[in-house]
Amino acid sequence: MKVLILTAMLVISMLLGACSLHHLEIQQGVIMKTEDIVKLKPGMRDEQVIFLLGEPPIRDPFHNGRWDYIYSLEDKNGNTSRQHLTLYFEGTILQRIDNEQP
């Protein structure tokens, strides 16, 4: 009986250990498609930008005319890729686009 219990515990611990080796892809932020980003042009209205990219997840309370879109992806191997898009508005008109893609 003890051998059966020990064997069952060994099998369970091996199964639980194997589960910890599995890594999922982790996505955070707003997925930004390249075809949508290239459509952004200075002079666009804020509604047009929201139509293309969605509402900005980060609006700087100290800089009213700045919208930040951030996206990161950690793949199954632990490699991380990031993208940071900053849009600057004057009133409701897009003035400048900073696109960081390391």
N, C-alpha and C. Protein backbone atom coordinates (compact mmCIF):
# COMPACT_ATOMS: atom_id res chain seq x y z
N MET A 1 0.82 -1.20 0.00
CA MET A 1 0.00 0.00 0.00
C MET A 1 0.86 1.26 0.00
N LYS A 2 1.94 1.23 0.82
CA LYS A 2 2.84 2.39 0.87
C LYS A 2 3.51 2.62 -0.48
N VAL A 3 3.85 1.55 -1.16
CA VAL A 3 4.48 1.67 -2.48
C VAL A 3 3.53 2.33 -3.46
N LEU A 4 2.26 1.96 -3.40
CA LEU A 4 1.25 2.53 -4.29
C LEU A 4 1.08 4.03 -4.03
N ILE A 5 1.03 4.41 -2.77
CA ILE A 5 0.89 5.83 -2.41
C ILE A 5 2.12 6.61 -2.85
N LEU A 6 3.31 6.06 -2.59
CA LEU A 6 4.54 6.74 -3.01
C LEU A 6 4.62 6.87 -4.52
N THR A 7 4.20 5.84 -5.23
CA THR A 7 4.20 5.88 -6.69
C THR A 7 3.23 6.94 -7.19
N ALA A 8 2.05 6.99 -6.60
CA ALA A 8 1.06 7.99 -6.99
C ALA A 8 1.58 9.40 -6.72
N MET A 9 2.22 9.61 -5.58
CA MET A 9 2.77 10.93 -5.26
C MET A 9 3.88 11.31 -6.22
N LEU A 10 4.70 10.35 -6.61
CA LEU A 10 5.78 10.60 -7.56
C LEU A 10 5.21 10.99 -8.92
N VAL A 11 4.20 10.27 -9.37
CA VAL A 11 3.57 10.58 -10.66
C VAL A 11 2.94 11.97 -10.62
N ILE A 12 2.25 12.29 -9.55
CA ILE A 12 1.61 13.61 -9.43
C ILE A 12 2.66 14.71 -9.41
N SER A 13 3.75 14.53 -8.67
CA SER A 13 4.78 15.56 -8.62
C SER A 13 5.46 15.73 -9.98
N MET A 14 5.63 14.65 -10.73
CA MET A 14 6.20 14.74 -12.07
C MET A 14 5.26 15.49 -13.01
N LEU A 15 3.97 15.22 -12.91
CA LEU A 15 3.00 15.92 -13.76
C LEU A 15 2.95 17.40 -13.43
N LEU A 16 2.96 17.73 -12.15
CA LEU A 16 2.95 19.14 -11.75
C LEU A 16 4.24 19.84 -12.17
N GLY A 17 5.35 19.16 -12.09
CA GLY A 17 6.62 19.73 -12.53
C GLY A 17 6.63 19.97 -14.02
N ALA A 18 6.04 19.08 -14.79
CA ALA A 18 5.97 19.26 -16.24
C ALA A 18 5.09 20.44 -16.61
N CYS A 19 4.08 20.71 -15.81
CA CYS A 19 3.19 21.85 -16.09
C CYS A 19 3.93 23.17 -15.96
N SER A 20 4.86 23.24 -15.06
CA SER A 20 5.57 24.50 -14.85
C SER A 20 6.54 24.82 -15.99
N LEU A 21 6.84 23.85 -16.84
CA LEU A 21 7.75 24.09 -17.96
C LEU A 21 7.04 24.77 -19.13
N HIS A 22 5.74 24.73 -19.15
CA HIS A 22 4.97 25.31 -20.25
C HIS A 22 4.86 26.82 -20.06
N HIS A 23 5.25 27.58 -21.08
CA HIS A 23 5.18 29.04 -21.03
C HIS A 23 4.15 29.53 -22.03
N LEU A 24 3.34 30.46 -21.61
CA LEU A 24 2.36 31.07 -22.49
C LEU A 24 2.88 32.38 -23.04
N GLU A 25 2.37 32.79 -24.20
CA GLU A 25 2.66 34.13 -24.70
C GLU A 25 1.85 35.12 -23.87
N ILE A 26 2.51 36.19 -23.46
CA ILE A 26 1.84 37.20 -22.66
C ILE A 26 1.82 38.50 -23.45
N GLN A 27 0.62 38.98 -23.77
CA GLN A 27 0.46 40.24 -24.49
C GLN A 27 -0.11 41.27 -23.53
N GLN A 28 0.45 42.48 -23.60
CA GLN A 28 -0.06 43.57 -22.78
C GLN A 28 -0.14 44.82 -23.64
N GLY A 29 -1.18 45.59 -23.41
CA GLY A 29 -1.33 46.85 -24.12
C GLY A 29 -2.22 46.73 -25.34
N VAL A 30 -2.08 47.70 -26.22
CA VAL A 30 -2.89 47.79 -27.43
C VAL A 30 -2.12 47.22 -28.60
N ILE A 31 -2.71 46.24 -29.28
CA ILE A 31 -2.06 45.68 -30.47
C ILE A 31 -2.17 46.72 -31.58
N MET A 32 -1.00 47.13 -32.10
CA MET A 32 -0.96 48.16 -33.14
C MET A 32 -0.50 47.53 -34.45
N LYS A 33 -1.35 47.56 -35.44
CA LYS A 33 -1.01 47.02 -36.75
C LYS A 33 -0.21 48.06 -37.53
N THR A 34 0.82 47.58 -38.22
CA THR A 34 1.66 48.48 -39.02
C THR A 34 0.84 49.23 -40.05
N GLU A 35 -0.12 48.55 -40.67
CA GLU A 35 -0.94 49.21 -41.70
C GLU A 35 -1.79 50.35 -41.13
N ASP A 36 -2.13 50.27 -39.84
CA ASP A 36 -2.87 51.35 -39.20
C ASP A 36 -1.93 52.50 -38.81
N ILE A 37 -0.74 52.16 -38.34
CA ILE A 37 0.21 53.19 -37.93
C ILE A 37 0.64 54.04 -39.12
N VAL A 38 0.86 53.43 -40.28
CA VAL A 38 1.30 54.21 -41.45
C VAL A 38 0.19 55.12 -41.96
N LYS A 39 -1.05 54.87 -41.58
CA LYS A 39 -2.16 55.75 -41.97
C LYS A 39 -2.21 57.02 -41.14
N LEU A 40 -1.53 57.02 -39.98
CA LEU A 40 -1.51 58.21 -39.13
C LEU A 40 -0.73 59.32 -39.80
N LYS A 41 -1.32 60.49 -39.86
CA LYS A 41 -0.68 61.65 -40.47
C LYS A 41 -0.95 62.89 -39.63
N PRO A 42 0.05 63.75 -39.48
CA PRO A 42 -0.22 65.02 -38.81
C PRO A 42 -1.37 65.75 -39.52
N GLY A 43 -2.22 66.37 -38.74
CA GLY A 43 -3.38 67.06 -39.28
C GLY A 43 -4.67 66.26 -39.09
N MET A 44 -4.55 65.00 -38.71
CA MET A 44 -5.75 64.18 -38.46
C MET A 44 -6.42 64.64 -37.18
N ARG A 45 -7.72 64.45 -37.12
CA ARG A 45 -8.47 64.77 -35.90
C ARG A 45 -8.37 63.60 -34.93
N ASP A 46 -8.57 63.88 -33.66
CA ASP A 46 -8.46 62.84 -32.64
C ASP A 46 -9.46 61.70 -32.85
N GLU A 47 -10.65 62.00 -33.40
CA GLU A 47 -11.63 60.94 -33.68
C GLU A 47 -11.11 59.96 -34.73
N GLN A 48 -10.38 60.47 -35.71
CA GLN A 48 -9.82 59.62 -36.74
C GLN A 48 -8.75 58.68 -36.17
N VAL A 49 -7.95 59.22 -35.25
CA VAL A 49 -6.92 58.41 -34.60
C VAL A 49 -7.57 57.32 -33.76
N ILE A 50 -8.61 57.66 -33.02
CA ILE A 50 -9.31 56.67 -32.21
C ILE A 50 -9.94 55.61 -33.09
N PHE A 51 -10.43 55.98 -34.26
CA PHE A 51 -11.00 55.01 -35.19
C PHE A 51 -9.94 54.01 -35.63
N LEU A 52 -8.71 54.48 -35.89
CA LEU A 52 -7.63 53.59 -36.33
C LEU A 52 -7.07 52.72 -35.21
N LEU A 53 -6.76 53.33 -34.07
CA LEU A 53 -6.02 52.64 -33.01
C LEU A 53 -6.84 52.31 -31.77
N GLY A 54 -8.00 52.91 -31.63
CA GLY A 54 -8.77 52.74 -30.40
C GLY A 54 -8.40 53.82 -29.39
N GLU A 55 -9.10 53.83 -28.28
CA GLU A 55 -8.81 54.80 -27.22
C GLU A 55 -7.40 54.57 -26.68
N PRO A 56 -6.67 55.65 -26.41
CA PRO A 56 -5.34 55.46 -25.84
C PRO A 56 -5.43 54.94 -24.41
N PRO A 57 -4.65 53.92 -24.09
CA PRO A 57 -4.70 53.39 -22.73
C PRO A 57 -4.06 54.32 -21.71
N ILE A 58 -3.17 55.19 -22.18
CA ILE A 58 -2.48 56.11 -21.27
C ILE A 58 -2.63 57.53 -21.80
N ARG A 59 -3.21 58.38 -20.98
CA ARG A 59 -3.27 59.82 -21.28
C ARG A 59 -2.59 60.53 -20.13
N ASP A 60 -1.53 61.22 -20.44
CA ASP A 60 -0.73 61.90 -19.42
C ASP A 60 -1.52 63.06 -18.84
N PRO A 61 -1.84 63.04 -17.54
CA PRO A 61 -2.63 64.12 -16.96
C PRO A 61 -1.88 65.45 -16.91
N PHE A 62 -0.56 65.41 -17.02
CA PHE A 62 0.23 66.63 -16.98
C PHE A 62 0.49 67.20 -18.37
N HIS A 63 0.25 66.38 -19.41
CA HIS A 63 0.40 66.82 -20.80
C HIS A 63 -0.87 66.43 -21.55
N ASN A 64 -1.81 67.36 -21.56
CA ASN A 64 -3.14 67.09 -22.10
C ASN A 64 -3.12 66.60 -23.54
N GLY A 65 -2.19 67.06 -24.33
CA GLY A 65 -2.17 66.73 -25.75
C GLY A 65 -1.30 65.55 -26.09
N ARG A 66 -1.00 64.68 -25.13
CA ARG A 66 -0.12 63.54 -25.39
C ARG A 66 -0.87 62.23 -25.13
N TRP A 67 -0.83 61.35 -26.13
CA TRP A 67 -1.42 60.03 -25.99
C TRP A 67 -0.33 58.99 -26.18
N ASP A 68 -0.28 57.99 -25.30
CA ASP A 68 0.71 56.92 -25.40
C ASP A 68 0.01 55.59 -25.62
N TYR A 69 0.47 54.88 -26.64
CA TYR A 69 0.02 53.52 -26.91
C TYR A 69 1.23 52.62 -26.70
N ILE A 70 1.09 51.64 -25.80
CA ILE A 70 2.20 50.76 -25.47
C ILE A 70 1.76 49.31 -25.66
N TYR A 71 2.65 48.52 -26.24
CA TYR A 71 2.37 47.10 -26.45
C TYR A 71 3.63 46.30 -26.15
N SER A 72 3.48 45.18 -25.46
CA SER A 72 4.61 44.27 -25.26
C SER A 72 4.12 42.83 -25.41
N LEU A 73 5.03 42.00 -25.88
CA LEU A 73 4.73 40.58 -26.09
C LEU A 73 5.90 39.77 -25.57
N GLU A 74 5.62 38.86 -24.65
CA GLU A 74 6.63 37.91 -24.19
C GLU A 74 6.26 36.56 -24.79
N ASP A 75 7.16 36.03 -25.64
CA ASP A 75 6.85 34.78 -26.30
C ASP A 75 7.14 33.57 -25.41
N LYS A 76 6.93 32.40 -25.95
CA LYS A 76 7.07 31.16 -25.17
C LYS A 76 8.50 30.94 -24.68
N ASN A 77 9.47 31.53 -25.37
CA ASN A 77 10.87 31.36 -24.99
C ASN A 77 11.35 32.42 -24.01
N GLY A 78 10.47 33.33 -23.62
CA GLY A 78 10.85 34.38 -22.68
C GLY A 78 11.39 35.64 -23.35
N ASN A 79 11.41 35.68 -24.69
CA ASN A 79 11.86 36.88 -25.41
C ASN A 79 10.75 37.92 -25.39
N THR A 80 11.12 39.17 -25.15
CA THR A 80 10.13 40.23 -25.06
C THR A 80 10.35 41.24 -26.19
N SER A 81 9.26 41.60 -26.87
CA SER A 81 9.30 42.67 -27.86
C SER A 81 8.35 43.77 -27.39
N ARG A 82 8.76 45.00 -27.62
CA ARG A 82 7.96 46.15 -27.17
C ARG A 82 7.78 47.15 -28.30
N GLN A 83 6.68 47.86 -28.21
CA GLN A 83 6.40 48.96 -29.13
C GLN A 83 5.78 50.09 -28.34
N HIS A 84 6.22 51.30 -28.62
CA HIS A 84 5.70 52.47 -27.91
C HIS A 84 5.44 53.55 -28.95
N LEU A 85 4.19 53.96 -29.04
CA LEU A 85 3.76 55.00 -29.97
C LEU A 85 3.25 56.17 -29.16
N THR A 86 3.84 57.35 -29.38
CA THR A 86 3.39 58.55 -28.68
C THR A 86 2.87 59.54 -29.71
N LEU A 87 1.67 60.03 -29.47
CA LEU A 87 1.04 61.01 -30.36
C LEU A 87 0.88 62.32 -29.61
N TYR A 88 1.19 63.41 -30.31
CA TYR A 88 1.08 64.74 -29.71
C TYR A 88 0.02 65.53 -30.46
N PHE A 89 -0.92 66.08 -29.70
CA PHE A 89 -2.02 66.84 -30.26
C PHE A 89 -1.94 68.30 -29.83
N GLU A 90 -2.44 69.15 -30.69
CA GLU A 90 -2.69 70.54 -30.33
C GLU A 90 -4.19 70.73 -30.48
N GLY A 91 -4.87 70.82 -29.36
CA GLY A 91 -6.33 70.79 -29.39
C GLY A 91 -6.77 69.39 -29.77
N THR A 92 -7.49 69.28 -30.88
CA THR A 92 -7.94 67.96 -31.36
C THR A 92 -7.19 67.51 -32.61
N ILE A 93 -6.14 68.23 -32.99
CA ILE A 93 -5.41 67.95 -34.23
C ILE A 93 -4.06 67.30 -33.92
N LEU A 94 -3.79 66.17 -34.58
CA LEU A 94 -2.53 65.46 -34.41
C LEU A 94 -1.39 66.29 -35.00
N GLN A 95 -0.36 66.53 -34.20
CA GLN A 95 0.77 67.35 -34.63
C GLN A 95 2.02 66.52 -34.93
N ARG A 96 2.32 65.53 -34.06
CA ARG A 96 3.58 64.79 -34.19
C ARG A 96 3.38 63.34 -33.76
N ILE A 97 4.17 62.45 -34.39
CA ILE A 97 4.10 61.02 -34.10
C ILE A 97 5.50 60.53 -33.77
N ASP A 98 5.67 59.91 -32.60
CA ASP A 98 6.93 59.25 -32.23
C ASP A 98 6.65 57.76 -32.12
N ASN A 99 7.34 56.98 -32.95
CA ASN A 99 7.12 55.53 -32.98
C ASN A 99 8.40 54.83 -32.60
N GLU A 100 8.44 54.27 -31.39
CA GLU A 100 9.63 53.57 -30.90
C GLU A 100 9.41 52.07 -31.07
N GLN A 101 10.31 51.43 -31.81
CA GLN A 101 10.27 49.98 -31.98
C GLN A 101 11.67 49.45 -31.81
N PRO A 102 12.05 49.10 -30.57
CA PRO A 102 13.42 48.60 -30.36
C PRO A 102 13.67 47.29 -31.06
